[in-house]
Amino acid sequence: MITTTRFLNIEEARKKFPHAIIDDIIVHEDVHIGENVIIRKYARINVNAFISNNVSIKERVLIGANTYIGEGVSISNDAYISESVCIEENTKIGSNVYIDAKTHIRQNVEIGKRAYIGAKVRINTGAFIHDGARISDGASIRKDAIIKKGGEGLVLHGSYKYPASVYFDSRTEEIIIRLGCYHRTIKEWESDFDNNIKEFPRGSREREARWKTFQFLKKWKPCFQP
């Protein structure tokens, strides 16, 4: 016999989670909701989501299946959190933020309103993502980095083979950009390109990679700040 699961109506939800303040929401029966949680109207909590203690979820937020929300997290209205996302303790998510699947956000991160976070992104402890910033799939944001909005928003490119990240080195007070295995300042990237581009034949993968790096830096140089 196949057992089916379902979403609860508001009366069933309030009965199952008496320790939480729940407005008119849609919540799957197979979720965990901790103590002192506030979930405002029209939010939707999907199957196997885990909501820790002292979490605040505002109006029209969607929490995807198999997503973990750590203690003390606050999520503003109209945010979309996809499936299998992990958001650790005391992180703040702004309104109209989109977070794609399998992204991992460490503790004490702040994400501004209308930010877009791609799939399988890793945002480390204490990072600050400005309003309207965009971070593409596979990117990694280092600890305490500040990602500033620029133009229509920052796009930090990365891939699993050639990951990219940006972080602030407090010892040297420099912005460091990592592409692949190289960690360099913006000036070092530009100098490296200028000095070495002619060493690589046209059409080579190395020359193409350096050209893309140079274009990336020219476009987004104003978007980084400590």
N, C-alpha and C. Protein backbone atom coordinates (compact mmCIF):
# COMPACT_ATOMS: atom_id res chain seq x y z
N MET A 1 0.83 -1.20 0.00
CA MET A 1 0.00 0.00 0.00
C MET A 1 0.87 1.25 0.00
N ILE A 2 0.59 2.19 -0.90
CA ILE A 2 1.36 3.42 -1.01
C ILE A 2 0.76 4.50 -0.10
N THR A 3 1.61 5.07 0.74
CA THR A 3 1.15 6.13 1.63
C THR A 3 1.45 7.49 1.00
N THR A 4 0.47 8.33 0.87
CA THR A 4 0.66 9.64 0.27
C THR A 4 0.75 10.70 1.37
N THR A 5 1.49 11.73 1.08
CA THR A 5 1.58 12.86 2.01
C THR A 5 0.86 14.05 1.39
N ARG A 6 0.60 15.06 2.19
CA ARG A 6 -0.24 16.15 1.71
C ARG A 6 0.10 17.43 2.44
N PHE A 7 -0.51 18.52 1.96
CA PHE A 7 -0.40 19.81 2.63
C PHE A 7 -1.52 19.94 3.65
N LEU A 8 -1.21 20.63 4.74
CA LEU A 8 -2.17 20.82 5.81
C LEU A 8 -2.99 22.08 5.57
N ASN A 9 -4.23 22.07 6.03
CA ASN A 9 -4.97 23.33 6.05
C ASN A 9 -4.54 24.11 7.28
N ILE A 10 -4.98 25.35 7.39
CA ILE A 10 -4.45 26.22 8.43
C ILE A 10 -4.78 25.71 9.83
N GLU A 11 -5.97 25.12 10.01
CA GLU A 11 -6.33 24.60 11.33
C GLU A 11 -5.44 23.43 11.71
N GLU A 12 -5.18 22.54 10.74
CA GLU A 12 -4.31 21.39 11.00
C GLU A 12 -2.88 21.86 11.31
N ALA A 13 -2.42 22.86 10.57
CA ALA A 13 -1.05 23.37 10.79
C ALA A 13 -0.91 23.96 12.18
N ARG A 14 -1.86 24.75 12.60
CA ARG A 14 -1.78 25.37 13.93
C ARG A 14 -1.85 24.32 15.04
N LYS A 15 -2.59 23.25 14.79
CA LYS A 15 -2.69 22.18 15.78
C LYS A 15 -1.38 21.39 15.85
N LYS A 16 -0.76 21.15 14.70
CA LYS A 16 0.48 20.37 14.66
C LYS A 16 1.67 21.16 15.19
N PHE A 17 1.65 22.50 14.96
CA PHE A 17 2.77 23.34 15.37
C PHE A 17 2.28 24.44 16.33
N PRO A 18 1.83 24.06 17.52
CA PRO A 18 1.25 25.04 18.45
C PRO A 18 2.27 26.03 19.00
N HIS A 19 3.55 25.69 18.90
CA HIS A 19 4.62 26.53 19.43
C HIS A 19 5.04 27.61 18.44
N ALA A 20 4.43 27.64 17.24
CA ALA A 20 4.77 28.63 16.23
C ALA A 20 3.59 29.56 15.99
N ILE A 21 3.88 30.77 15.53
CA ILE A 21 2.84 31.72 15.14
C ILE A 21 2.66 31.60 13.64
N ILE A 22 1.51 31.08 13.22
CA ILE A 22 1.29 30.77 11.81
C ILE A 22 0.06 31.51 11.32
N ASP A 23 0.24 32.29 10.25
CA ASP A 23 -0.90 32.92 9.60
C ASP A 23 -1.49 31.96 8.56
N ASP A 24 -2.18 32.49 7.61
CA ASP A 24 -2.82 31.68 6.57
C ASP A 24 -1.76 31.24 5.57
N ILE A 25 -1.17 30.07 5.78
CA ILE A 25 -0.07 29.59 4.95
C ILE A 25 -0.39 28.22 4.36
N ILE A 26 0.49 27.75 3.47
CA ILE A 26 0.43 26.39 2.95
C ILE A 26 1.67 25.66 3.46
N VAL A 27 1.48 24.58 4.20
CA VAL A 27 2.61 23.86 4.78
C VAL A 27 2.40 22.36 4.60
N HIS A 28 3.44 21.67 4.17
CA HIS A 28 3.36 20.23 4.00
C HIS A 28 3.38 19.55 5.35
N GLU A 29 2.73 18.40 5.44
CA GLU A 29 2.67 17.72 6.73
C GLU A 29 4.03 17.16 7.16
N ASP A 30 4.92 16.87 6.20
CA ASP A 30 6.23 16.32 6.51
C ASP A 30 7.29 17.41 6.55
N VAL A 31 7.13 18.33 7.49
CA VAL A 31 8.14 19.37 7.71
C VAL A 31 8.39 19.46 9.22
N HIS A 32 9.50 20.11 9.56
CA HIS A 32 9.78 20.41 10.97
C HIS A 32 9.75 21.91 11.15
N ILE A 33 9.01 22.37 12.13
CA ILE A 33 8.97 23.79 12.48
C ILE A 33 9.30 23.92 13.96
N GLY A 34 10.37 24.64 14.28
CA GLY A 34 10.86 24.76 15.64
C GLY A 34 10.03 25.72 16.49
N GLU A 35 10.56 26.02 17.66
CA GLU A 35 9.87 26.90 18.60
C GLU A 35 10.11 28.36 18.27
N ASN A 36 9.12 29.18 18.65
CA ASN A 36 9.19 30.64 18.47
C ASN A 36 9.40 31.03 17.01
N VAL A 37 8.83 30.28 16.12
CA VAL A 37 8.88 30.57 14.68
C VAL A 37 7.65 31.40 14.31
N ILE A 38 7.87 32.41 13.46
CA ILE A 38 6.76 33.23 12.95
C ILE A 38 6.72 33.07 11.44
N ILE A 39 5.58 32.64 10.92
CA ILE A 39 5.40 32.47 9.48
C ILE A 39 4.16 33.26 9.07
N ARG A 40 4.34 34.26 8.23
CA ARG A 40 3.25 35.15 7.86
C ARG A 40 2.47 34.61 6.66
N LYS A 41 1.38 35.30 6.34
CA LYS A 41 0.38 34.79 5.41
C LYS A 41 0.93 34.56 4.01
N TYR A 42 0.35 33.55 3.37
CA TYR A 42 0.62 33.15 1.98
C TYR A 42 2.00 32.56 1.78
N ALA A 43 2.73 32.28 2.85
CA ALA A 43 4.00 31.54 2.71
C ALA A 43 3.68 30.09 2.37
N ARG A 44 4.67 29.42 1.76
CA ARG A 44 4.49 28.01 1.40
C ARG A 44 5.75 27.25 1.82
N ILE A 45 5.56 26.19 2.62
CA ILE A 45 6.66 25.38 3.12
C ILE A 45 6.51 23.98 2.53
N ASN A 46 7.47 23.56 1.70
CA ASN A 46 7.34 22.29 0.99
C ASN A 46 7.93 21.11 1.77
N VAL A 47 7.74 19.91 1.22
CA VAL A 47 8.03 18.66 1.90
C VAL A 47 9.48 18.57 2.39
N ASN A 48 9.63 18.03 3.59
CA ASN A 48 10.93 17.77 4.21
C ASN A 48 11.74 19.03 4.50
N ALA A 49 11.12 20.17 4.48
CA ALA A 49 11.82 21.39 4.92
C ALA A 49 12.01 21.33 6.43
N PHE A 50 13.11 21.94 6.89
CA PHE A 50 13.42 21.97 8.32
C PHE A 50 13.58 23.42 8.73
N ILE A 51 12.68 23.91 9.57
CA ILE A 51 12.71 25.28 10.05
C ILE A 51 13.13 25.25 11.52
N SER A 52 14.29 25.81 11.84
CA SER A 52 14.82 25.77 13.20
C SER A 52 14.10 26.79 14.10
N ASN A 53 14.53 26.89 15.34
CA ASN A 53 13.92 27.79 16.32
C ASN A 53 14.19 29.26 15.96
N ASN A 54 13.26 30.12 16.41
CA ASN A 54 13.43 31.58 16.34
C ASN A 54 13.63 32.10 14.92
N VAL A 55 12.95 31.49 13.97
CA VAL A 55 13.01 31.91 12.56
C VAL A 55 11.82 32.81 12.26
N SER A 56 12.05 33.83 11.43
CA SER A 56 10.97 34.72 10.98
C SER A 56 10.85 34.63 9.46
N ILE A 57 9.66 34.28 8.99
CA ILE A 57 9.38 34.15 7.57
C ILE A 57 8.20 35.07 7.24
N LYS A 58 8.43 36.02 6.36
CA LYS A 58 7.41 37.03 6.07
C LYS A 58 6.45 36.56 4.96
N GLU A 59 5.61 37.47 4.49
CA GLU A 59 4.54 37.16 3.55
C GLU A 59 5.06 36.64 2.21
N ARG A 60 4.36 35.64 1.68
CA ARG A 60 4.54 35.13 0.30
C ARG A 60 5.94 34.55 0.06
N VAL A 61 6.56 34.05 1.10
CA VAL A 61 7.85 33.37 0.95
C VAL A 61 7.61 31.91 0.57
N LEU A 62 8.43 31.40 -0.35
CA LEU A 62 8.37 29.99 -0.69
C LEU A 62 9.64 29.30 -0.21
N ILE A 63 9.48 28.22 0.55
CA ILE A 63 10.58 27.39 1.01
C ILE A 63 10.50 26.06 0.29
N GLY A 64 11.55 25.72 -0.49
CA GLY A 64 11.52 24.50 -1.30
C GLY A 64 11.71 23.23 -0.49
N ALA A 65 11.48 22.12 -1.15
CA ALA A 65 11.62 20.81 -0.52
C ALA A 65 13.05 20.56 -0.08
N ASN A 66 13.20 19.86 1.05
CA ASN A 66 14.51 19.44 1.57
C ASN A 66 15.43 20.62 1.89
N THR A 67 14.85 21.75 2.21
CA THR A 67 15.64 22.94 2.54
C THR A 67 15.77 23.08 4.05
N TYR A 68 16.95 23.53 4.48
CA TYR A 68 17.23 23.72 5.90
C TYR A 68 17.35 25.21 6.20
N ILE A 69 16.60 25.68 7.19
CA ILE A 69 16.66 27.07 7.65
C ILE A 69 17.15 27.06 9.09
N GLY A 70 18.33 27.65 9.33
CA GLY A 70 18.95 27.60 10.65
C GLY A 70 18.33 28.55 11.65
N GLU A 71 18.72 28.40 12.90
CA GLU A 71 18.15 29.18 14.00
C GLU A 71 18.46 30.67 13.83
N GLY A 72 17.44 31.49 14.09
CA GLY A 72 17.61 32.94 14.04
C GLY A 72 17.61 33.55 12.67
N VAL A 73 17.32 32.77 11.64
CA VAL A 73 17.27 33.29 10.27
C VAL A 73 16.01 34.13 10.09
N SER A 74 16.12 35.22 9.34
CA SER A 74 14.94 36.01 8.97
C SER A 74 14.87 36.11 7.45
N ILE A 75 13.68 35.90 6.92
CA ILE A 75 13.45 35.91 5.47
C ILE A 75 12.33 36.90 5.19
N SER A 76 12.62 37.94 4.41
CA SER A 76 11.64 38.98 4.13
C SER A 76 10.65 38.55 3.05
N ASN A 77 9.66 39.38 2.83
CA ASN A 77 8.54 39.01 1.96
C ASN A 77 8.96 38.74 0.53
N ASP A 78 8.22 37.82 -0.11
CA ASP A 78 8.34 37.49 -1.53
C ASP A 78 9.67 36.86 -1.91
N ALA A 79 10.39 36.32 -0.94
CA ALA A 79 11.63 35.59 -1.25
C ALA A 79 11.28 34.19 -1.75
N TYR A 80 12.14 33.68 -2.64
CA TYR A 80 11.97 32.33 -3.20
C TYR A 80 13.22 31.53 -2.86
N ILE A 81 13.04 30.50 -2.04
CA ILE A 81 14.14 29.63 -1.64
C ILE A 81 13.89 28.27 -2.28
N SER A 82 14.74 27.87 -3.20
CA SER A 82 14.51 26.65 -3.96
C SER A 82 14.78 25.40 -3.12
N GLU A 83 14.72 24.23 -3.76
CA GLU A 83 14.89 22.97 -3.04
C GLU A 83 16.35 22.70 -2.67
N SER A 84 16.53 21.98 -1.57
CA SER A 84 17.84 21.51 -1.10
C SER A 84 18.81 22.66 -0.84
N VAL A 85 18.30 23.77 -0.36
CA VAL A 85 19.13 24.92 0.03
C VAL A 85 19.40 24.81 1.53
N CYS A 86 20.60 25.22 1.93
CA CYS A 86 20.95 25.26 3.35
C CYS A 86 21.28 26.70 3.74
N ILE A 87 20.54 27.26 4.68
CA ILE A 87 20.78 28.61 5.18
C ILE A 87 21.08 28.49 6.66
N GLU A 88 22.30 28.82 7.05
CA GLU A 88 22.72 28.62 8.44
C GLU A 88 22.31 29.78 9.34
N GLU A 89 22.69 29.71 10.59
CA GLU A 89 22.16 30.53 11.67
C GLU A 89 22.38 32.03 11.47
N ASN A 90 21.37 32.79 11.89
CA ASN A 90 21.42 34.26 12.00
C ASN A 90 21.69 34.96 10.67
N THR A 91 21.30 34.34 9.59
CA THR A 91 21.41 34.96 8.27
C THR A 91 20.13 35.75 7.98
N LYS A 92 20.29 36.86 7.24
CA LYS A 92 19.16 37.71 6.89
C LYS A 92 18.98 37.72 5.38
N ILE A 93 17.77 37.39 4.94
CA ILE A 93 17.45 37.35 3.51
C ILE A 93 16.46 38.48 3.23
N GLY A 94 16.79 39.36 2.28
CA GLY A 94 15.94 40.49 1.96
C GLY A 94 14.72 40.11 1.14
N SER A 95 13.89 41.09 0.86
CA SER A 95 12.67 40.85 0.09
C SER A 95 12.98 40.61 -1.38
N ASN A 96 12.15 39.80 -2.02
CA ASN A 96 12.25 39.50 -3.45
C ASN A 96 13.60 38.89 -3.84
N VAL A 97 14.22 38.19 -2.92
CA VAL A 97 15.47 37.47 -3.21
C VAL A 97 15.13 36.11 -3.81
N TYR A 98 15.94 35.70 -4.80
CA TYR A 98 15.79 34.38 -5.40
C TYR A 98 17.05 33.58 -5.11
N ILE A 99 16.90 32.39 -4.50
CA ILE A 99 18.02 31.51 -4.20
C ILE A 99 17.75 30.16 -4.87
N ASP A 100 18.63 29.79 -5.80
CA ASP A 100 18.41 28.57 -6.58
C ASP A 100 18.87 27.33 -5.81
N ALA A 101 18.63 26.16 -6.41
CA ALA A 101 18.78 24.88 -5.72
C ALA A 101 20.21 24.58 -5.29
N LYS A 102 20.33 23.86 -4.19
CA LYS A 102 21.58 23.29 -3.67
C LYS A 102 22.62 24.35 -3.32
N THR A 103 22.16 25.54 -3.02
CA THR A 103 23.06 26.60 -2.55
C THR A 103 23.25 26.48 -1.05
N HIS A 104 24.45 26.81 -0.58
CA HIS A 104 24.78 26.73 0.85
C HIS A 104 25.21 28.11 1.33
N ILE A 105 24.45 28.65 2.27
CA ILE A 105 24.74 29.97 2.84
C ILE A 105 25.11 29.79 4.30
N ARG A 106 26.32 30.20 4.67
CA ARG A 106 26.80 30.02 6.03
C ARG A 106 26.18 31.05 6.97
N GLN A 107 26.56 31.01 8.24
CA GLN A 107 25.94 31.84 9.26
C GLN A 107 26.34 33.31 9.13
N ASN A 108 25.45 34.18 9.65
CA ASN A 108 25.69 35.63 9.73
C ASN A 108 25.92 36.28 8.37
N VAL A 109 25.29 35.76 7.35
CA VAL A 109 25.32 36.37 6.02
C VAL A 109 24.13 37.31 5.90
N GLU A 110 24.30 38.40 5.15
CA GLU A 110 23.18 39.29 4.88
C GLU A 110 23.04 39.46 3.37
N ILE A 111 21.84 39.21 2.86
CA ILE A 111 21.56 39.31 1.43
C ILE A 111 20.50 40.38 1.23
N GLY A 112 20.83 41.41 0.45
CA GLY A 112 19.93 42.52 0.22
C GLY A 112 18.75 42.16 -0.68
N LYS A 113 17.81 43.07 -0.74
CA LYS A 113 16.59 42.82 -1.52
C LYS A 113 16.89 42.72 -3.02
N ARG A 114 16.09 41.91 -3.69
CA ARG A 114 16.14 41.69 -5.14
C ARG A 114 17.45 41.05 -5.61
N ALA A 115 18.20 40.46 -4.71
CA ALA A 115 19.42 39.75 -5.11
C ALA A 115 19.05 38.41 -5.75
N TYR A 116 19.91 37.97 -6.66
CA TYR A 116 19.73 36.67 -7.31
C TYR A 116 20.95 35.81 -6.99
N ILE A 117 20.70 34.63 -6.42
CA ILE A 117 21.76 33.69 -6.07
C ILE A 117 21.52 32.42 -6.88
N GLY A 118 22.49 32.05 -7.73
CA GLY A 118 22.32 30.89 -8.61
C GLY A 118 22.40 29.56 -7.87
N ALA A 119 22.39 28.48 -8.65
CA ALA A 119 22.42 27.13 -8.09
C ALA A 119 23.84 26.74 -7.65
N LYS A 120 23.91 25.94 -6.61
CA LYS A 120 25.17 25.38 -6.11
C LYS A 120 26.21 26.46 -5.79
N VAL A 121 25.73 27.58 -5.31
CA VAL A 121 26.60 28.67 -4.86
C VAL A 121 26.96 28.42 -3.39
N ARG A 122 28.15 28.83 -3.00
CA ARG A 122 28.55 28.77 -1.59
C ARG A 122 28.90 30.18 -1.12
N ILE A 123 28.17 30.66 -0.12
CA ILE A 123 28.42 31.97 0.46
C ILE A 123 28.90 31.76 1.89
N ASN A 124 30.13 32.17 2.16
CA ASN A 124 30.73 31.87 3.46
C ASN A 124 30.38 32.90 4.53
N THR A 125 30.76 32.59 5.75
CA THR A 125 30.36 33.33 6.95
C THR A 125 30.62 34.83 6.84
N GLY A 126 29.60 35.61 7.21
CA GLY A 126 29.77 37.05 7.33
C GLY A 126 29.74 37.83 6.04
N ALA A 127 29.49 37.18 4.91
CA ALA A 127 29.44 37.90 3.63
C ALA A 127 28.22 38.83 3.59
N PHE A 128 28.37 39.91 2.83
CA PHE A 128 27.28 40.88 2.66
C PHE A 128 27.03 41.04 1.16
N ILE A 129 25.81 40.73 0.73
CA ILE A 129 25.43 40.82 -0.68
C ILE A 129 24.49 42.01 -0.82
N HIS A 130 24.90 43.02 -1.60
CA HIS A 130 24.12 44.24 -1.74
C HIS A 130 22.80 44.00 -2.48
N ASP A 131 21.89 44.97 -2.34
CA ASP A 131 20.63 44.93 -3.08
C ASP A 131 20.89 44.78 -4.57
N GLY A 132 20.14 43.89 -5.21
CA GLY A 132 20.20 43.77 -6.66
C GLY A 132 21.41 43.04 -7.21
N ALA A 133 22.29 42.54 -6.34
CA ALA A 133 23.47 41.80 -6.82
C ALA A 133 23.04 40.47 -7.41
N ARG A 134 23.85 39.98 -8.35
CA ARG A 134 23.57 38.70 -8.99
C ARG A 134 24.81 37.82 -8.92
N ILE A 135 24.63 36.60 -8.44
CA ILE A 135 25.74 35.65 -8.32
C ILE A 135 25.37 34.40 -9.10
N SER A 136 26.20 34.04 -10.07
CA SER A 136 25.82 32.97 -10.98
C SER A 136 26.15 31.59 -10.43
N ASP A 137 25.67 30.56 -11.11
CA ASP A 137 25.79 29.18 -10.66
C ASP A 137 27.24 28.81 -10.37
N GLY A 138 27.44 28.09 -9.27
CA GLY A 138 28.74 27.53 -8.97
C GLY A 138 29.74 28.48 -8.35
N ALA A 139 29.36 29.73 -8.13
CA ALA A 139 30.31 30.71 -7.57
C ALA A 139 30.51 30.46 -6.08
N SER A 140 31.63 30.96 -5.57
CA SER A 140 31.95 30.85 -4.16
C SER A 140 32.32 32.23 -3.63
N ILE A 141 31.64 32.67 -2.57
CA ILE A 141 31.91 33.97 -1.96
C ILE A 141 32.65 33.74 -0.66
N ARG A 142 33.84 34.31 -0.53
CA ARG A 142 34.68 34.07 0.64
C ARG A 142 34.13 34.75 1.90
N LYS A 143 34.68 34.34 3.03
CA LYS A 143 34.29 34.86 4.33
C LYS A 143 34.43 36.38 4.39
N ASP A 144 33.39 37.03 4.90
CA ASP A 144 33.36 38.48 5.14
C ASP A 144 33.46 39.32 3.86
N ALA A 145 33.28 38.72 2.70
CA ALA A 145 33.30 39.48 1.45
C ALA A 145 32.09 40.40 1.37
N ILE A 146 32.27 41.53 0.68
CA ILE A 146 31.16 42.44 0.40
C ILE A 146 31.00 42.51 -1.12
N ILE A 147 29.83 42.15 -1.59
CA ILE A 147 29.53 42.18 -3.02
C ILE A 147 28.63 43.37 -3.28
N LYS A 148 29.15 44.34 -4.01
CA LYS A 148 28.45 45.59 -4.24
C LYS A 148 27.70 45.56 -5.56
N LYS A 149 26.52 46.14 -5.55
CA LYS A 149 25.74 46.24 -6.78
C LYS A 149 26.45 47.17 -7.76
N GLY A 150 26.40 46.80 -9.04
CA GLY A 150 26.97 47.66 -10.08
C GLY A 150 26.16 47.51 -11.35
N GLY A 151 25.71 48.61 -11.94
CA GLY A 151 24.87 48.51 -13.14
C GLY A 151 23.59 47.80 -12.80
N GLU A 152 23.33 46.71 -13.51
CA GLU A 152 22.13 45.92 -13.23
C GLU A 152 22.38 44.90 -12.13
N GLY A 153 23.57 44.92 -11.55
CA GLY A 153 23.89 43.96 -10.50
C GLY A 153 25.14 43.19 -10.83
N LEU A 154 25.80 42.72 -9.84
CA LEU A 154 27.05 41.98 -10.00
C LEU A 154 26.77 40.54 -10.42
N VAL A 155 27.48 40.08 -11.43
CA VAL A 155 27.45 38.67 -11.80
C VAL A 155 28.83 38.11 -11.56
N LEU A 156 28.97 37.25 -10.59
CA LEU A 156 30.25 36.64 -10.30
C LEU A 156 30.28 35.28 -10.97
N HIS A 157 31.07 35.15 -12.02
CA HIS A 157 31.06 33.94 -12.82
C HIS A 157 31.88 32.84 -12.15
N GLY A 158 31.44 31.62 -12.29
CA GLY A 158 32.19 30.49 -11.77
C GLY A 158 31.72 29.20 -12.42
N SER A 159 32.50 28.17 -12.30
CA SER A 159 32.11 26.85 -12.78
C SER A 159 32.76 25.83 -11.87
N TYR A 160 32.38 24.57 -12.02
CA TYR A 160 32.95 23.55 -11.15
C TYR A 160 34.41 23.29 -11.50
N LYS A 161 34.77 23.44 -12.77
CA LYS A 161 36.16 23.22 -13.18
C LYS A 161 37.01 24.44 -12.92
N TYR A 162 36.45 25.64 -13.16
CA TYR A 162 37.18 26.89 -12.94
C TYR A 162 36.37 27.78 -12.00
N PRO A 163 36.38 27.46 -10.69
CA PRO A 163 35.57 28.24 -9.75
C PRO A 163 36.07 29.66 -9.61
N ALA A 164 35.17 30.55 -9.25
CA ALA A 164 35.52 31.95 -9.05
C ALA A 164 35.00 32.40 -7.70
N SER A 165 35.76 33.30 -7.08
CA SER A 165 35.29 33.88 -5.83
C SER A 165 35.96 35.22 -5.64
N VAL A 166 35.39 36.01 -4.74
CA VAL A 166 35.97 37.31 -4.41
C VAL A 166 35.93 37.47 -2.91
N TYR A 167 37.00 38.04 -2.34
CA TYR A 167 37.02 38.24 -0.90
C TYR A 167 37.97 39.38 -0.56
N PHE A 168 37.81 39.89 0.66
CA PHE A 168 38.63 41.00 1.14
C PHE A 168 39.70 40.44 2.07
N ASP A 169 40.98 40.69 1.73
CA ASP A 169 42.10 40.26 2.55
C ASP A 169 42.38 41.35 3.59
N SER A 170 42.02 41.09 4.84
CA SER A 170 42.15 42.11 5.88
C SER A 170 43.61 42.44 6.20
N ARG A 171 44.52 41.53 5.90
CA ARG A 171 45.94 41.79 6.18
C ARG A 171 46.52 42.82 5.22
N THR A 172 46.17 42.72 3.96
CA THR A 172 46.71 43.64 2.95
C THR A 172 45.72 44.72 2.55
N GLU A 173 44.46 44.58 3.03
CA GLU A 173 43.39 45.50 2.67
C GLU A 173 43.23 45.59 1.15
N GLU A 174 43.27 44.43 0.52
CA GLU A 174 43.10 44.33 -0.93
C GLU A 174 41.91 43.42 -1.24
N ILE A 175 41.24 43.73 -2.34
CA ILE A 175 40.24 42.81 -2.87
C ILE A 175 40.96 41.73 -3.66
N ILE A 176 40.68 40.46 -3.34
CA ILE A 176 41.31 39.33 -4.01
C ILE A 176 40.26 38.62 -4.86
N ILE A 177 40.62 38.34 -6.10
CA ILE A 177 39.74 37.58 -6.99
C ILE A 177 40.41 36.25 -7.29
N ARG A 178 39.66 35.18 -7.07
CA ARG A 178 40.17 33.85 -7.39
C ARG A 178 39.47 33.34 -8.64
N LEU A 179 40.27 32.97 -9.62
CA LEU A 179 39.77 32.28 -10.81
C LEU A 179 40.62 31.03 -10.97
N GLY A 180 39.95 29.85 -10.94
CA GLY A 180 40.72 28.62 -10.94
C GLY A 180 41.52 28.52 -9.65
N CYS A 181 42.82 28.24 -9.75
CA CYS A 181 43.67 28.09 -8.57
C CYS A 181 44.44 29.37 -8.26
N TYR A 182 44.20 30.46 -8.99
CA TYR A 182 44.97 31.68 -8.81
C TYR A 182 44.22 32.68 -7.94
N HIS A 183 44.91 33.23 -6.93
CA HIS A 183 44.37 34.25 -6.05
C HIS A 183 45.19 35.52 -6.28
N ARG A 184 44.58 36.56 -6.87
CA ARG A 184 45.33 37.77 -7.20
C ARG A 184 44.46 38.99 -7.00
N THR A 185 45.14 40.13 -6.81
CA THR A 185 44.42 41.40 -6.76
C THR A 185 44.00 41.79 -8.17
N ILE A 186 43.12 42.79 -8.26
CA ILE A 186 42.68 43.26 -9.57
C ILE A 186 43.86 43.77 -10.38
N LYS A 187 44.75 44.53 -9.75
CA LYS A 187 45.92 45.05 -10.47
C LYS A 187 46.82 43.93 -10.96
N GLU A 188 46.99 42.90 -10.15
CA GLU A 188 47.83 41.77 -10.56
C GLU A 188 47.22 41.04 -11.75
N TRP A 189 45.90 40.88 -11.75
CA TRP A 189 45.25 40.23 -12.89
C TRP A 189 45.47 41.05 -14.15
N GLU A 190 45.28 42.36 -14.06
CA GLU A 190 45.43 43.21 -15.23
C GLU A 190 46.88 43.20 -15.73
N SER A 191 47.84 43.29 -14.80
CA SER A 191 49.25 43.29 -15.17
C SER A 191 49.65 41.95 -15.79
N ASP A 192 49.16 40.87 -15.21
CA ASP A 192 49.46 39.54 -15.72
C ASP A 192 48.96 39.38 -17.15
N PHE A 193 47.77 39.89 -17.39
CA PHE A 193 47.21 39.80 -18.75
C PHE A 193 48.06 40.61 -19.73
N ASP A 194 48.38 41.86 -19.36
CA ASP A 194 49.15 42.73 -20.24
C ASP A 194 50.52 42.15 -20.56
N ASN A 195 51.19 41.55 -19.57
CA ASN A 195 52.55 41.07 -19.73
C ASN A 195 52.65 39.74 -20.45
N ASN A 196 51.63 38.90 -20.31
CA ASN A 196 51.78 37.52 -20.75
C ASN A 196 50.87 37.09 -21.88
N ILE A 197 49.94 37.93 -22.30
CA ILE A 197 48.98 37.49 -23.30
C ILE A 197 49.65 37.11 -24.61
N LYS A 198 50.73 37.79 -24.97
CA LYS A 198 51.39 37.53 -26.25
C LYS A 198 52.14 36.20 -26.25
N GLU A 199 52.37 35.62 -25.07
CA GLU A 199 53.08 34.36 -25.00
C GLU A 199 52.22 33.18 -25.46
N PHE A 200 50.91 33.41 -25.53
CA PHE A 200 50.01 32.30 -25.85
C PHE A 200 49.45 32.48 -27.25
N PRO A 201 49.48 31.44 -28.05
CA PRO A 201 49.00 31.55 -29.44
C PRO A 201 47.51 31.82 -29.51
N ARG A 202 47.10 32.49 -30.56
CA ARG A 202 45.69 32.76 -30.77
C ARG A 202 44.91 31.44 -30.85
N GLY A 203 43.78 31.43 -30.23
CA GLY A 203 42.94 30.23 -30.24
C GLY A 203 43.23 29.26 -29.12
N SER A 204 44.32 29.49 -28.36
CA SER A 204 44.64 28.57 -27.26
C SER A 204 43.68 28.79 -26.10
N ARG A 205 43.48 27.75 -25.31
CA ARG A 205 42.56 27.84 -24.18
C ARG A 205 43.08 28.82 -23.14
N GLU A 206 44.42 28.86 -22.95
CA GLU A 206 44.99 29.76 -21.97
C GLU A 206 44.78 31.21 -22.35
N ARG A 207 44.97 31.52 -23.63
CA ARG A 207 44.78 32.90 -24.09
C ARG A 207 43.30 33.29 -23.95
N GLU A 208 42.42 32.38 -24.32
CA GLU A 208 40.98 32.66 -24.22
C GLU A 208 40.58 32.89 -22.76
N ALA A 209 41.14 32.06 -21.84
CA ALA A 209 40.82 32.20 -20.42
C ALA A 209 41.29 33.54 -19.89
N ARG A 210 42.48 33.98 -20.29
CA ARG A 210 43.01 35.25 -19.82
C ARG A 210 42.21 36.42 -20.40
N TRP A 211 41.79 36.28 -21.63
CA TRP A 211 40.97 37.33 -22.24
C TRP A 211 39.64 37.48 -21.50
N LYS A 212 39.02 36.37 -21.19
CA LYS A 212 37.76 36.42 -20.46
C LYS A 212 37.96 37.02 -19.07
N THR A 213 39.07 36.68 -18.43
CA THR A 213 39.37 37.25 -17.12
C THR A 213 39.50 38.76 -17.21
N PHE A 214 40.23 39.23 -18.22
CA PHE A 214 40.45 40.66 -18.39
C PHE A 214 39.13 41.39 -18.62
N GLN A 215 38.27 40.84 -19.48
CA GLN A 215 36.97 41.45 -19.74
C GLN A 215 36.10 41.46 -18.48
N PHE A 216 36.19 40.38 -17.73
CA PHE A 216 35.44 40.30 -16.47
C PHE A 216 35.85 41.42 -15.51
N LEU A 217 37.16 41.63 -15.39
CA LEU A 217 37.66 42.64 -14.47
C LEU A 217 37.32 44.05 -14.93
N LYS A 218 37.43 44.30 -16.23
CA LYS A 218 37.09 45.62 -16.75
C LYS A 218 35.63 45.97 -16.46
N LYS A 219 34.77 44.98 -16.62
CA LYS A 219 33.34 45.23 -16.46
C LYS A 219 32.94 45.41 -15.01
N TRP A 220 33.54 44.59 -14.12
CA TRP A 220 33.04 44.53 -12.75
C TRP A 220 33.98 45.13 -11.72
N LYS A 221 35.08 45.75 -12.16
CA LYS A 221 36.02 46.35 -11.22
C LYS A 221 35.35 47.33 -10.25
N PRO A 222 34.39 48.17 -10.70
CA PRO A 222 33.76 49.11 -9.75
C PRO A 222 32.83 48.44 -8.74
N CYS A 223 32.56 47.14 -8.91
CA CYS A 223 31.57 46.47 -8.08
C CYS A 223 32.13 45.86 -6.82
N PHE A 224 33.45 45.86 -6.67
CA PHE A 224 34.07 45.27 -5.50
C PHE A 224 34.48 46.35 -4.51
N GLN A 225 34.19 46.13 -3.25
CA GLN A 225 34.65 47.06 -2.23
C GLN A 225 34.86 46.30 -0.93
N PRO A 226 35.81 46.71 -0.09
CA PRO A 226 36.01 46.04 1.19
C PRO A 226 34.88 46.36 2.15
